[in-house]
Amino acid sequence: MYAVFKTGGKQYRATTGDVLKVEKIEAEKGSTVELDQVLMVGDGADVKIGAPFLAGGKVTATVVDHGRLAKIKIIKFKRRKHHRKQMGHRQYFTQIEITGIDA
């Protein structure tokens, strides 16, 4: 059984036992999180699609870790203008383990 859910403005496809890095969720390490914005749940040929979300659908997950991703370098350069601008950004993430999928 798999589910497609939405969190942090992005969509993820997961099955039970998967470990995902999602946008930062305000929860303590080891706590349980319920993600209720489920778009689709599939089990073989049986597929349920929400419009836009599945009524009563939820994905439960355990928070494994918090952290920051690798630095993304942003460089803006204009030739022959003596102009160069360099910036960087590290995005926060939450690592979760999917423990259950309910349709």
N, C-alpha and C. Protein backbone atom coordinates (compact mmCIF):
# COMPACT_ATOMS: atom_id res chain seq x y z
N MET A 1 0.85 -1.18 0.00
CA MET A 1 0.00 0.00 0.00
C MET A 1 0.89 1.24 0.00
N TYR A 2 0.53 2.21 -0.81
CA TYR A 2 1.29 3.46 -0.87
C TYR A 2 0.34 4.65 -0.81
N ALA A 3 0.90 5.79 -0.49
CA ALA A 3 0.10 7.01 -0.41
C ALA A 3 0.90 8.17 -0.99
N VAL A 4 0.18 9.11 -1.58
CA VAL A 4 0.77 10.37 -2.03
C VAL A 4 0.18 11.44 -1.13
N PHE A 5 1.05 12.14 -0.40
CA PHE A 5 0.59 13.16 0.53
C PHE A 5 1.34 14.46 0.30
N LYS A 6 0.82 15.53 0.89
CA LYS A 6 1.38 16.86 0.69
C LYS A 6 1.78 17.43 2.05
N THR A 7 3.01 17.95 2.12
CA THR A 7 3.47 18.66 3.31
C THR A 7 4.56 19.64 2.90
N GLY A 8 4.50 20.83 3.45
CA GLY A 8 5.51 21.83 3.14
C GLY A 8 5.49 22.30 1.70
N GLY A 9 4.33 22.23 1.04
CA GLY A 9 4.22 22.69 -0.33
C GLY A 9 4.74 21.70 -1.36
N LYS A 10 5.13 20.51 -0.94
CA LYS A 10 5.64 19.49 -1.86
C LYS A 10 4.84 18.21 -1.69
N GLN A 11 4.86 17.36 -2.71
CA GLN A 11 4.15 16.09 -2.66
C GLN A 11 5.15 14.94 -2.58
N TYR A 12 4.82 13.92 -1.79
CA TYR A 12 5.69 12.78 -1.58
C TYR A 12 4.90 11.49 -1.75
N ARG A 13 5.53 10.48 -2.33
CA ARG A 13 4.95 9.14 -2.45
C ARG A 13 5.68 8.24 -1.47
N ALA A 14 4.94 7.54 -0.62
CA ALA A 14 5.58 6.74 0.42
C ALA A 14 4.80 5.47 0.70
N THR A 15 5.51 4.48 1.17
CA THR A 15 4.92 3.25 1.68
C THR A 15 5.32 3.11 3.14
N THR A 16 4.73 2.17 3.85
CA THR A 16 5.04 1.98 5.26
C THR A 16 6.49 1.53 5.41
N GLY A 17 7.21 2.20 6.29
CA GLY A 17 8.62 1.87 6.54
C GLY A 17 9.60 2.78 5.81
N ASP A 18 9.12 3.63 4.89
CA ASP A 18 10.00 4.55 4.18
C ASP A 18 10.50 5.65 5.11
N VAL A 19 11.73 6.11 4.86
CA VAL A 19 12.30 7.23 5.58
C VAL A 19 12.49 8.37 4.59
N LEU A 20 11.84 9.51 4.86
CA LEU A 20 11.84 10.65 3.94
C LEU A 20 12.38 11.89 4.61
N LYS A 21 12.98 12.78 3.80
CA LYS A 21 13.37 14.10 4.27
C LYS A 21 12.35 15.09 3.70
N VAL A 22 11.57 15.71 4.60
CA VAL A 22 10.54 16.65 4.19
C VAL A 22 10.89 18.03 4.74
N GLU A 23 10.12 19.04 4.32
CA GLU A 23 10.31 20.39 4.85
C GLU A 23 10.13 20.36 6.37
N LYS A 24 10.75 21.31 7.05
CA LYS A 24 10.78 21.32 8.51
C LYS A 24 9.37 21.29 9.11
N ILE A 25 9.18 20.36 10.07
CA ILE A 25 7.94 20.22 10.82
C ILE A 25 8.26 20.52 12.28
N GLU A 26 7.45 21.36 12.90
CA GLU A 26 7.67 21.72 14.30
C GLU A 26 7.20 20.57 15.20
N ALA A 27 8.07 19.61 15.44
CA ALA A 27 7.77 18.47 16.32
C ALA A 27 9.08 17.98 16.91
N GLU A 28 9.01 17.42 18.10
CA GLU A 28 10.21 16.93 18.77
C GLU A 28 10.64 15.60 18.17
N LYS A 29 11.93 15.31 18.32
CA LYS A 29 12.49 14.05 17.84
C LYS A 29 11.86 12.89 18.61
N GLY A 30 11.38 11.88 17.90
CA GLY A 30 10.74 10.73 18.51
C GLY A 30 9.23 10.83 18.63
N SER A 31 8.67 12.01 18.34
CA SER A 31 7.22 12.17 18.46
C SER A 31 6.52 11.67 17.19
N THR A 32 5.22 11.48 17.29
CA THR A 32 4.41 11.00 16.18
C THR A 32 3.69 12.18 15.53
N VAL A 33 3.69 12.18 14.20
CA VAL A 33 3.08 13.25 13.42
C VAL A 33 2.02 12.64 12.52
N GLU A 34 0.85 13.31 12.42
CA GLU A 34 -0.20 12.86 11.51
C GLU A 34 -0.29 13.85 10.35
N LEU A 35 -0.15 13.35 9.15
CA LEU A 35 -0.24 14.16 7.94
C LEU A 35 -1.58 13.84 7.29
N ASP A 36 -2.48 14.84 7.29
CA ASP A 36 -3.85 14.56 6.84
C ASP A 36 -4.14 15.06 5.42
N GLN A 37 -3.18 15.65 4.75
CA GLN A 37 -3.40 16.10 3.37
C GLN A 37 -2.99 14.98 2.41
N VAL A 38 -3.79 13.94 2.36
CA VAL A 38 -3.52 12.77 1.52
C VAL A 38 -4.23 12.97 0.18
N LEU A 39 -3.47 12.89 -0.90
CA LEU A 39 -4.01 13.10 -2.24
C LEU A 39 -4.48 11.80 -2.88
N MET A 40 -3.76 10.69 -2.61
CA MET A 40 -4.08 9.43 -3.26
C MET A 40 -3.58 8.27 -2.41
N VAL A 41 -4.33 7.18 -2.40
CA VAL A 41 -3.92 5.96 -1.73
C VAL A 41 -4.12 4.82 -2.72
N GLY A 42 -3.09 4.00 -2.88
CA GLY A 42 -3.17 2.89 -3.82
C GLY A 42 -2.75 1.58 -3.19
N ASP A 43 -3.42 0.51 -3.59
CA ASP A 43 -3.08 -0.83 -3.13
C ASP A 43 -3.32 -1.78 -4.30
N GLY A 44 -2.30 -1.94 -5.13
CA GLY A 44 -2.44 -2.77 -6.33
C GLY A 44 -3.34 -2.08 -7.35
N ALA A 45 -4.42 -2.75 -7.73
CA ALA A 45 -5.35 -2.16 -8.71
C ALA A 45 -6.38 -1.25 -8.04
N ASP A 46 -6.48 -1.31 -6.71
CA ASP A 46 -7.43 -0.48 -5.98
C ASP A 46 -6.78 0.87 -5.65
N VAL A 47 -7.21 1.92 -6.35
CA VAL A 47 -6.64 3.26 -6.18
C VAL A 47 -7.76 4.22 -5.81
N LYS A 48 -7.55 4.98 -4.73
CA LYS A 48 -8.51 6.01 -4.30
C LYS A 48 -7.87 7.37 -4.50
N ILE A 49 -8.57 8.25 -5.21
CA ILE A 49 -8.05 9.58 -5.51
C ILE A 49 -8.97 10.62 -4.88
N GLY A 50 -8.38 11.59 -4.19
CA GLY A 50 -9.15 12.65 -3.56
C GLY A 50 -9.37 13.81 -4.49
N ALA A 51 -10.29 14.71 -4.09
CA ALA A 51 -10.57 15.88 -4.90
C ALA A 51 -10.68 17.11 -4.00
N PRO A 52 -9.66 17.80 -3.61
CA PRO A 52 -8.25 17.52 -3.85
C PRO A 52 -7.67 16.54 -2.83
N PHE A 53 -8.29 16.46 -1.61
CA PHE A 53 -7.76 15.56 -0.59
C PHE A 53 -8.73 14.42 -0.34
N LEU A 54 -8.21 13.29 0.10
CA LEU A 54 -9.00 12.11 0.40
C LEU A 54 -9.65 12.28 1.77
N ALA A 55 -10.97 12.15 1.83
CA ALA A 55 -11.70 12.32 3.09
C ALA A 55 -11.36 11.15 4.03
N GLY A 56 -10.90 11.47 5.21
CA GLY A 56 -10.55 10.44 6.20
C GLY A 56 -9.18 9.82 6.00
N GLY A 57 -8.46 10.27 5.00
CA GLY A 57 -7.13 9.72 4.76
C GLY A 57 -6.08 10.41 5.61
N LYS A 58 -5.15 9.62 6.16
CA LYS A 58 -4.05 10.21 6.92
C LYS A 58 -2.85 9.29 6.88
N VAL A 59 -1.69 9.90 7.03
CA VAL A 59 -0.42 9.19 7.07
C VAL A 59 0.20 9.51 8.42
N THR A 60 0.55 8.47 9.18
CA THR A 60 1.22 8.68 10.46
C THR A 60 2.70 8.41 10.30
N ALA A 61 3.50 9.24 10.95
CA ALA A 61 4.95 9.13 10.83
C ALA A 61 5.60 9.46 12.15
N THR A 62 6.81 8.96 12.34
CA THR A 62 7.62 9.24 13.53
C THR A 62 8.79 10.13 13.11
N VAL A 63 9.03 11.18 13.88
CA VAL A 63 10.13 12.09 13.59
C VAL A 63 11.44 11.42 14.00
N VAL A 64 12.34 11.24 13.03
CA VAL A 64 13.62 10.58 13.28
C VAL A 64 14.69 11.61 13.63
N ASP A 65 14.74 12.71 12.86
CA ASP A 65 15.83 13.67 13.03
C ASP A 65 15.45 15.01 12.41
N HIS A 66 16.16 16.05 12.82
CA HIS A 66 16.08 17.38 12.21
C HIS A 66 17.48 17.74 11.71
N GLY A 67 17.56 18.58 10.70
CA GLY A 67 18.86 18.98 10.20
C GLY A 67 18.77 20.02 9.11
N ARG A 68 19.90 20.21 8.43
CA ARG A 68 19.96 21.15 7.32
C ARG A 68 20.61 20.45 6.13
N LEU A 69 20.10 20.74 4.95
CA LEU A 69 20.63 20.14 3.73
C LEU A 69 21.95 20.80 3.34
N ALA A 70 22.57 20.29 2.27
CA ALA A 70 23.81 20.86 1.77
C ALA A 70 23.56 22.27 1.24
N LYS A 71 24.60 23.08 1.24
CA LYS A 71 24.46 24.47 0.82
C LYS A 71 24.22 24.57 -0.68
N ILE A 72 23.26 25.41 -1.04
CA ILE A 72 22.98 25.73 -2.43
C ILE A 72 23.66 27.05 -2.71
N LYS A 73 24.52 27.09 -3.73
CA LYS A 73 25.24 28.32 -4.06
C LYS A 73 24.51 29.06 -5.18
N ILE A 74 24.30 30.35 -4.96
CA ILE A 74 23.64 31.21 -5.94
C ILE A 74 24.66 32.23 -6.39
N ILE A 75 24.97 32.25 -7.68
CA ILE A 75 25.94 33.19 -8.21
C ILE A 75 25.30 33.97 -9.35
N LYS A 76 25.33 35.30 -9.22
CA LYS A 76 24.83 36.18 -10.27
C LYS A 76 26.03 36.93 -10.84
N PHE A 77 26.17 36.87 -12.15
CA PHE A 77 27.37 37.43 -12.79
C PHE A 77 26.97 38.13 -14.07
N LYS A 78 27.48 39.34 -14.26
CA LYS A 78 27.27 40.08 -15.51
C LYS A 78 28.63 40.37 -16.10
N ARG A 79 28.85 39.91 -17.30
CA ARG A 79 30.15 40.06 -17.94
C ARG A 79 30.40 41.52 -18.30
N ARG A 80 31.64 41.89 -18.21
CA ARG A 80 32.15 43.22 -18.58
C ARG A 80 31.53 44.37 -17.79
N LYS A 81 30.85 44.10 -16.69
CA LYS A 81 30.21 45.15 -15.90
C LYS A 81 30.81 45.27 -14.50
N HIS A 82 31.81 44.46 -14.20
CA HIS A 82 32.43 44.44 -12.87
C HIS A 82 31.38 44.16 -11.81
N HIS A 83 30.52 43.19 -12.10
CA HIS A 83 29.42 42.84 -11.19
C HIS A 83 29.41 41.34 -10.95
N ARG A 84 29.49 40.96 -9.68
CA ARG A 84 29.37 39.56 -9.28
C ARG A 84 28.77 39.51 -7.89
N LYS A 85 27.73 38.70 -7.73
CA LYS A 85 27.06 38.58 -6.44
C LYS A 85 26.97 37.10 -6.11
N GLN A 86 27.39 36.73 -4.92
CA GLN A 86 27.41 35.33 -4.52
C GLN A 86 26.68 35.19 -3.19
N MET A 87 25.74 34.22 -3.16
CA MET A 87 24.96 33.96 -1.95
C MET A 87 24.88 32.46 -1.72
N GLY A 88 24.43 32.07 -0.55
CA GLY A 88 24.25 30.66 -0.25
C GLY A 88 23.04 30.46 0.65
N HIS A 89 22.52 29.24 0.66
CA HIS A 89 21.33 28.94 1.46
C HIS A 89 21.35 27.47 1.87
N ARG A 90 21.03 27.20 3.13
CA ARG A 90 20.87 25.82 3.61
C ARG A 90 19.45 25.67 4.13
N GLN A 91 18.71 24.74 3.54
CA GLN A 91 17.31 24.53 3.89
C GLN A 91 17.19 23.56 5.07
N TYR A 92 16.30 23.88 6.02
CA TYR A 92 16.02 22.99 7.14
C TYR A 92 15.14 21.83 6.67
N PHE A 93 15.34 20.64 7.27
CA PHE A 93 14.51 19.49 6.93
C PHE A 93 14.19 18.70 8.20
N THR A 94 13.16 17.86 8.08
CA THR A 94 12.80 16.92 9.11
C THR A 94 12.78 15.54 8.47
N GLN A 95 13.48 14.60 9.08
CA GLN A 95 13.52 13.24 8.58
C GLN A 95 12.45 12.44 9.30
N ILE A 96 11.53 11.85 8.54
CA ILE A 96 10.43 11.10 9.14
C ILE A 96 10.41 9.66 8.62
N GLU A 97 9.89 8.76 9.46
CA GLU A 97 9.69 7.37 9.06
C GLU A 97 8.19 7.09 9.04
N ILE A 98 7.67 6.62 7.93
CA ILE A 98 6.24 6.37 7.77
C ILE A 98 5.89 5.11 8.55
N THR A 99 4.92 5.24 9.46
CA THR A 99 4.53 4.10 10.29
C THR A 99 3.16 3.55 9.93
N GLY A 100 2.31 4.35 9.29
CA GLY A 100 0.98 3.85 8.94
C GLY A 100 0.30 4.69 7.89
N ILE A 101 -0.54 4.03 7.09
CA ILE A 101 -1.32 4.72 6.06
C ILE A 101 -2.77 4.30 6.23
N ASP A 102 -3.67 5.29 6.38
CA ASP A 102 -5.10 5.02 6.51
C ASP A 102 -5.83 5.68 5.35
N ALA A 103 -6.74 4.92 4.75
CA ALA A 103 -7.56 5.48 3.67
C ALA A 103 -8.87 5.86 4.27
